Amino acid sequence: MKHFPKCTVTVVICAYTIDRWANLLDVIESVRAQTVRPEEVLVVIDHNTELYERLVAVVDDVTVVENMGPKGLSGARNTGVSLADTDIVAFLDDDAEAAPDWLQHLVALYDDPDVLGVGGRVVPVWATGRPSYFGEELDWIVGCSHRGMPRVASEVRNVIGANMSFRLEVLRQVGGFNHSLGRQGSIPLGCEETEICIRSRMGSPGSRIVYEPAAVVRHHVPASRATLRYMLSRSWSEGLSKAQVSQIVGHKRALGPERRYVRSVLPRAVMSGLYDFGRAGNPGGLGRAGAVMAVLTCTAAGYFRGRRLSFPTAAKTPKTSLQPALPWRKVQ
């Protein structure tokens, strides 16, 4: 019989739109089916009363709360952290369905006391099929694991927001997620998970953040995010977000993995696309190569634009209160 560490876990699912209603119910069901059962499931609704009331009416085995902080993903996650009372807090997006052994693989790595956080692999599920120009090297654009990431459990700088977990004490020590970072509704900003991973390790020499590809979630990608327009918009926003994180934690900490990605993964992607086009006459290969170059250009432009901006002071002082600020209602 396999041994698993006796860690208690709270799963936090953040939701903001009723348009993902069916996805949200699937995500909740996937948590119910886990081989390692969480102590509690918290669904945090981000300032959407209609969605909150509808979910309260149909579920009776999860805790449904409203975001008690600023609107946005960071505020919603901090609400979940403030209410959790377990060793570990694991986060899922409202469109990221977990495999049955997802928690089992995440929790197993907390046997090591130096591990502060563990994230897993995020596999895209394309609503209309993967576009021919959308290479796997660019799957980070839709919040998924991309080609070039580790294939076995490995130490990383940061985990992916749709599939991550942390020790509760770590999240509270660093003040939670930075409210000035992260997605707000449909605005495709990000990097709040990057910043909190870096900040967590800054105060804990010898500590580790681990990526465990065996811990899998399937992330729904709607047709609206499979377009070239979204690809470029998200790339620009990623550049802005990275510039903001650089102002908080320093350029070296913020951009180390990105430099390796640009030097090794992207050139291979371009060459592979051109090879497919030249050798096999596959127009998709040329599209993939062109998309990589366009994404690199837009991301770099967003980053250099961000370097010229003065971001809110709050971004430079990420310590935030994790105490509930407003009454919350629990489903009995």
Protein backbone atom coordinates (compact mmCIF):
# COMPACT_ATOMS: atom_id res chain seq x y z
CA MET A 1 0.00 0.00 0.00
CA LYS A 2 1.31 3.43 -0.95
CA HIS A 3 1.97 5.97 1.76
CA PHE A 4 0.71 9.52 1.41
CA PRO A 5 1.56 12.35 3.80
CA LYS A 6 -1.20 13.22 6.23
CA CYS A 7 -1.73 16.80 5.06
CA THR A 8 -5.13 18.40 5.20
CA VAL A 9 -6.18 20.28 2.07
CA THR A 10 -8.64 23.02 1.16
CA VAL A 11 -9.46 23.37 -2.53
CA VAL A 12 -10.28 26.92 -3.67
CA ILE A 13 -12.13 27.41 -6.95
CA CYS A 14 -12.48 31.00 -8.16
CA ALA A 15 -15.31 31.98 -10.51
CA TYR A 16 -16.46 35.31 -11.92
CA THR A 17 -18.88 34.72 -14.79
CA ILE A 18 -22.09 32.79 -15.27
CA ASP A 19 -20.98 32.08 -18.85
CA ARG A 20 -18.83 29.26 -17.45
CA TRP A 21 -21.64 27.70 -15.45
CA ALA A 22 -21.35 24.24 -17.00
CA ASN A 23 -17.56 24.30 -16.66
CA LEU A 24 -17.82 25.31 -13.02
CA LEU A 25 -20.12 22.40 -12.19
CA ASP A 26 -17.70 20.02 -13.95
CA VAL A 27 -14.78 21.38 -11.93
CA ILE A 28 -16.68 20.89 -8.66
CA GLU A 29 -17.57 17.35 -9.69
CA SER A 30 -13.93 16.60 -10.49
CA VAL A 31 -12.96 17.62 -6.94
CA ARG A 32 -15.65 15.37 -5.51
CA ALA A 33 -14.06 12.45 -7.37
CA GLN A 34 -10.54 12.89 -5.95
CA THR A 35 -8.70 9.84 -4.59
CA VAL A 36 -7.44 12.09 -1.77
CA ARG A 37 -10.44 13.97 -0.47
CA PRO A 38 -10.03 17.61 0.59
CA GLU A 39 -11.20 18.75 4.00
CA GLU A 40 -13.21 21.52 2.38
CA VAL A 41 -14.02 22.96 -1.03
CA LEU A 42 -14.40 26.73 -1.21
CA VAL A 43 -15.94 28.31 -4.30
CA VAL A 44 -15.20 32.05 -4.29
CA ILE A 45 -17.48 34.16 -6.49
CA ASP A 46 -15.84 37.35 -7.69
CA HIS A 47 -18.42 40.13 -7.33
CA ASN A 48 -21.23 38.43 -9.25
CA THR A 49 -24.39 38.19 -7.17
CA GLU A 50 -26.34 36.32 -9.84
CA LEU A 51 -23.71 33.58 -10.04
CA TYR A 52 -23.41 33.38 -6.25
CA GLU A 53 -27.15 32.97 -5.71
CA ARG A 54 -27.50 30.43 -8.51
CA LEU A 55 -24.67 28.26 -7.16
CA VAL A 56 -25.94 28.41 -3.58
CA ALA A 57 -29.27 27.08 -4.82
CA VAL A 58 -27.84 23.96 -6.46
CA VAL A 59 -24.86 22.77 -4.37
CA ASP A 60 -24.98 21.55 -0.81
CA ASP A 61 -21.57 19.96 -0.20
CA VAL A 62 -19.22 22.89 -0.86
CA THR A 63 -18.76 26.27 0.80
CA VAL A 64 -19.79 29.15 -1.46
CA VAL A 65 -18.48 32.60 -0.56
CA GLU A 66 -18.26 36.00 -2.16
CA ASN A 67 -14.96 37.75 -2.80
CA MET A 68 -14.37 40.00 0.21
CA GLY A 69 -11.45 41.82 -1.35
CA PRO A 70 -10.89 43.91 -4.48
CA LYS A 71 -12.41 42.62 -7.70
CA GLY A 72 -10.11 40.23 -9.52
CA LEU A 73 -8.50 36.83 -9.26
CA SER A 74 -5.98 37.82 -6.60
CA GLY A 75 -8.72 39.19 -4.34
CA ALA A 76 -10.79 36.02 -4.82
CA ARG A 77 -7.85 33.77 -4.02
CA ASN A 78 -7.02 35.79 -0.91
CA THR A 79 -10.60 35.38 0.26
CA GLY A 80 -10.15 31.61 0.02
CA VAL A 81 -6.85 31.78 1.88
CA SER A 82 -8.39 33.86 4.67
CA LEU A 83 -11.09 31.23 5.24
CA ALA A 84 -8.97 28.09 4.92
CA ASP A 85 -7.98 26.11 8.01
CA THR A 86 -5.81 23.30 6.62
CA ASP A 87 -2.15 22.58 5.98
CA ILE A 88 -2.37 23.05 2.23
CA VAL A 89 -4.46 25.27 -0.05
CA ALA A 90 -4.89 24.08 -3.65
CA PHE A 91 -6.30 26.33 -6.38
CA LEU A 92 -8.30 25.49 -9.49
CA ASP A 93 -9.75 27.76 -12.13
CA ASP A 94 -13.47 27.55 -12.86
CA ASP A 95 -12.70 26.02 -16.26
CA ALA A 96 -9.95 23.58 -15.21
CA GLU A 97 -11.22 20.07 -14.51
CA ALA A 98 -8.93 17.98 -12.27
CA ALA A 99 -7.92 14.37 -12.94
CA PRO A 100 -9.01 11.98 -10.13
CA ASP A 101 -5.46 11.68 -8.75
CA TRP A 102 -4.68 15.40 -9.00
CA LEU A 103 -4.58 16.09 -5.26
CA GLN A 104 -2.85 12.80 -4.57
CA HIS A 105 0.14 13.84 -6.67
CA LEU A 106 0.25 17.40 -5.32
CA VAL A 107 0.07 16.44 -1.67
CA ALA A 108 2.68 13.67 -1.92
CA LEU A 109 5.48 16.19 -2.46
CA TYR A 110 4.77 18.01 0.80
CA ASP A 111 6.57 15.20 2.61
CA ASP A 112 9.61 17.41 2.05
CA PRO A 113 9.48 20.33 4.53
CA ASP A 114 11.48 22.51 2.13
CA VAL A 115 8.67 22.41 -0.44
CA LEU A 116 6.58 25.57 -0.14
CA GLY A 117 4.33 25.03 -3.15
CA VAL A 118 3.49 22.42 -5.76
CA GLY A 119 1.87 22.89 -9.14
CA GLY A 120 0.86 20.51 -11.88
CA ARG A 121 0.42 20.11 -15.61
CA VAL A 122 -2.38 22.00 -17.36
CA VAL A 123 -3.59 20.36 -20.57
CA PRO A 124 -5.58 22.46 -23.06
CA VAL A 125 -8.98 21.20 -24.22
CA TRP A 126 -9.74 23.21 -27.37
CA ALA A 127 -13.42 23.92 -27.90
CA THR A 128 -12.92 24.12 -31.67
CA GLY A 129 -9.67 22.19 -32.06
CA ARG A 130 -6.11 23.47 -31.89
CA PRO A 131 -5.43 26.04 -34.64
CA SER A 132 -2.68 24.99 -37.04
CA TYR A 133 -0.61 28.08 -36.16
CA PHE A 134 -0.86 27.54 -32.37
CA GLY A 135 2.20 25.48 -31.48
CA GLU A 136 2.49 23.76 -28.09
CA GLU A 137 5.39 26.09 -27.26
CA LEU A 138 2.80 28.88 -26.95
CA ASP A 139 0.27 27.10 -24.74
CA TRP A 140 1.14 29.43 -21.85
CA ILE A 141 -0.97 32.00 -23.70
CA VAL A 142 -4.10 30.00 -22.81
CA GLY A 143 -2.91 29.27 -19.26
CA CYS A 144 -1.55 25.78 -19.98
CA SER A 145 1.74 23.92 -19.73
CA HIS A 146 3.90 24.53 -22.78
CA ARG A 147 6.50 22.48 -24.61
CA GLY A 148 9.83 22.88 -22.88
CA MET A 149 8.51 22.47 -19.34
CA PRO A 150 9.84 19.57 -17.21
CA ARG A 151 8.51 16.08 -17.88
CA VAL A 152 9.27 14.83 -14.37
CA ALA A 153 8.84 16.46 -10.96
CA SER A 154 11.30 19.37 -10.89
CA GLU A 155 12.09 22.55 -9.03
CA VAL A 156 10.78 25.61 -10.87
CA ARG A 157 10.56 29.34 -10.32
CA ASN A 158 6.78 29.38 -10.40
CA VAL A 159 3.75 27.18 -10.98
CA ILE A 160 0.74 27.74 -13.25
CA GLY A 161 -2.23 29.55 -11.73
CA ALA A 162 -4.89 27.11 -12.95
CA ASN A 163 -3.23 24.23 -11.07
CA MET A 164 -1.24 25.13 -7.97
CA SER A 165 -1.03 24.63 -4.23
CA PHE A 166 0.85 26.16 -1.29
CA ARG A 167 1.33 25.64 2.40
CA LEU A 168 -1.24 27.83 4.12
CA GLU A 169 1.32 29.22 6.55
CA VAL A 170 3.47 30.38 3.63
CA LEU A 171 0.60 32.25 1.97
CA ARG A 172 -0.23 34.01 5.21
CA GLN A 173 3.38 34.86 6.03
CA VAL A 174 3.84 36.67 2.72
CA GLY A 175 0.47 38.42 2.86
CA GLY A 176 -1.27 36.52 0.09
CA PHE A 177 -1.56 37.36 -3.59
CA ASN A 178 -0.79 40.88 -4.77
CA HIS A 179 -4.06 42.66 -5.60
CA SER A 180 -2.38 44.84 -8.21
CA LEU A 181 -1.50 41.75 -10.26
CA GLY A 182 -3.60 39.09 -11.93
CA ARG A 183 -6.61 38.79 -14.17
CA GLN A 184 -9.57 41.06 -13.55
CA GLY A 185 -12.60 39.68 -15.36
CA SER A 186 -11.73 39.27 -19.03
CA ILE A 187 -8.63 41.52 -18.89
CA PRO A 188 -5.80 39.08 -19.69
CA LEU A 189 -3.18 40.29 -17.20
CA GLY A 190 -1.37 37.76 -15.04
CA CYS A 191 1.86 36.82 -13.26
CA GLU A 192 0.39 36.95 -9.74
CA GLU A 193 1.42 33.30 -9.28
CA THR A 194 4.94 34.12 -10.50
CA GLU A 195 5.27 36.99 -8.05
CA ILE A 196 4.01 35.06 -5.02
CA CYS A 197 6.27 32.09 -5.77
CA ILE A 198 9.30 34.37 -5.98
CA ARG A 199 8.28 36.30 -2.87
CA SER A 200 7.70 33.08 -0.91
CA ARG A 201 11.21 31.82 -1.57
CA MET A 202 12.92 35.17 -0.91
CA GLY A 203 12.36 34.77 2.82
CA SER A 204 13.09 31.03 2.98
CA PRO A 205 16.63 30.07 1.84
CA GLY A 206 16.80 26.47 0.64
CA SER A 207 13.06 26.27 0.02
CA ARG A 208 11.59 24.98 -3.24
CA ILE A 209 8.63 25.38 -5.57
CA VAL A 210 7.97 22.14 -7.47
CA TYR A 211 6.25 21.35 -10.75
CA GLU A 212 4.72 17.85 -10.78
CA PRO A 213 3.49 16.98 -14.29
CA ALA A 214 1.68 13.90 -12.98
CA ALA A 215 -0.84 16.23 -11.26
CA VAL A 216 -3.06 17.01 -14.25
CA VAL A 217 -5.96 19.33 -14.89
CA ARG A 218 -7.75 19.77 -18.23
CA HIS A 219 -8.22 23.44 -19.05
CA HIS A 220 -11.09 24.41 -21.33
CA VAL A 221 -10.01 26.81 -24.10
CA PRO A 222 -12.97 28.59 -25.76
CA ALA A 223 -12.94 29.55 -29.40
CA SER A 224 -12.41 33.21 -28.47
CA ARG A 225 -8.96 32.35 -27.09
CA ALA A 226 -7.89 30.34 -30.12
CA THR A 227 -7.64 33.42 -32.32
CA LEU A 228 -4.56 35.28 -33.46
CA ARG A 229 -6.05 38.45 -32.00
CA TYR A 230 -6.25 36.94 -28.51
CA MET A 231 -2.78 35.44 -28.89
CA LEU A 232 -1.24 38.85 -29.54
CA SER A 233 -3.35 40.63 -26.92
CA ARG A 234 -2.37 38.11 -24.28
CA SER A 235 1.29 38.35 -25.30
CA TRP A 236 1.25 42.14 -24.92
CA SER A 237 -0.39 41.79 -21.50
CA GLU A 238 2.18 39.19 -20.44
CA GLY A 239 4.94 41.64 -21.27
CA LEU A 240 3.27 44.36 -19.20
CA SER A 241 2.76 41.94 -16.31
CA LYS A 242 6.38 40.78 -16.39
CA ALA A 243 7.54 44.39 -16.29
CA GLN A 244 5.36 44.97 -13.24
CA VAL A 245 6.74 41.89 -11.48
CA SER A 246 10.27 43.03 -12.33
CA GLN A 247 9.63 46.28 -10.48
CA ILE A 248 8.55 44.30 -7.42
CA VAL A 249 11.13 41.50 -7.20
CA GLY A 250 13.93 42.59 -9.58
CA HIS A 251 14.66 41.80 -13.22
CA LYS A 252 16.91 38.79 -12.57
CA ARG A 253 14.33 36.96 -10.47
CA ALA A 254 11.47 37.89 -12.77
CA LEU A 255 12.98 36.93 -16.12
CA GLY A 256 15.41 34.02 -15.66
CA PRO A 257 13.20 31.24 -17.10
CA GLU A 258 11.95 33.54 -19.86
CA ARG A 259 15.49 34.11 -21.10
CA ARG A 260 16.09 30.36 -21.31
CA TYR A 261 12.74 29.91 -23.06
CA VAL A 262 13.59 32.55 -25.67
CA ARG A 263 17.10 31.16 -26.23
CA SER A 264 16.21 27.48 -26.55
CA VAL A 265 12.50 26.65 -26.90
CA LEU A 266 11.40 29.33 -29.34
CA PRO A 267 14.24 28.91 -31.87
CA ARG A 268 13.50 25.18 -32.07
CA ALA A 269 9.82 25.96 -32.58
CA VAL A 270 10.59 28.32 -35.46
CA MET A 271 12.98 25.87 -37.11
CA SER A 272 10.50 23.00 -36.71
CA GLY A 273 7.73 25.07 -38.31
CA LEU A 274 9.92 26.12 -41.22
CA TYR A 275 11.08 22.54 -41.69
CA ASP A 276 7.49 21.29 -41.85
CA PHE A 277 6.69 23.94 -44.42
CA GLY A 278 9.78 23.44 -46.57
CA ARG A 279 10.02 19.65 -46.43
CA ALA A 280 6.36 18.65 -46.38
CA GLY A 281 4.73 21.76 -47.82
CA ASN A 282 2.63 22.09 -44.67
CA PRO A 283 1.30 25.67 -44.47
CA GLY A 284 0.61 25.14 -40.76
CA GLY A 285 4.36 24.96 -40.18
CA LEU A 286 4.86 28.41 -41.65
CA GLY A 287 1.94 29.66 -39.55
CA ARG A 288 3.49 28.25 -36.37
CA ALA A 289 6.84 29.85 -37.11
CA GLY A 290 5.19 33.19 -37.87
CA ALA A 291 3.07 33.03 -34.71
CA VAL A 292 6.14 32.43 -32.54
CA MET A 293 7.87 35.48 -33.98
CA ALA A 294 4.73 37.62 -33.59
CA VAL A 295 4.23 36.52 -29.98
CA LEU A 296 7.87 37.17 -29.11
CA THR A 297 7.66 40.64 -30.65
CA CYS A 298 4.40 41.55 -28.87
CA THR A 299 5.61 40.23 -25.52
CA ALA A 300 8.88 42.14 -25.76
CA ALA A 301 7.03 45.30 -26.81
CA GLY A 302 4.66 44.96 -23.86
CA TYR A 303 7.57 44.45 -21.49
CA PHE A 304 9.51 47.49 -22.70
CA ARG A 305 6.32 49.55 -22.61
CA GLY A 306 5.77 48.37 -19.05
CA ARG A 307 9.29 49.37 -18.06
CA ARG A 308 8.35 52.95 -18.91
CA LEU A 309 5.20 52.91 -16.79
CA SER A 310 4.89 53.69 -13.11
CA PHE A 311 2.72 51.00 -11.59
CA PRO A 312 0.58 51.55 -8.48
CA THR A 313 2.46 51.78 -5.21
CA ALA A 314 0.43 48.81 -3.96
CA ALA A 315 2.38 46.59 -6.33
CA LYS A 316 5.56 47.42 -4.44
CA THR A 317 4.03 46.67 -1.03
CA PRO A 318 2.28 43.35 -1.56
CA LYS A 319 1.61 42.60 2.09
CA THR A 320 -2.17 42.46 2.38
CA SER A 321 -4.59 41.57 5.12
CA LEU A 322 -6.04 38.11 4.76
CA GLN A 323 -8.67 38.60 7.43
CA PRO A 324 -12.28 38.53 6.18
CA ALA A 325 -13.43 42.12 5.83
CA LEU A 326 -17.10 41.49 5.16
CA PRO A 327 -19.70 38.96 6.31
CA TRP A 328 -19.75 35.78 4.25
CA ARG A 329 -22.47 33.23 3.81
CA LYS A 330 -21.84 29.51 4.02
CA VAL A 331 -23.93 26.79 2.43
CA GLN A 332 -25.00 24.37 5.12
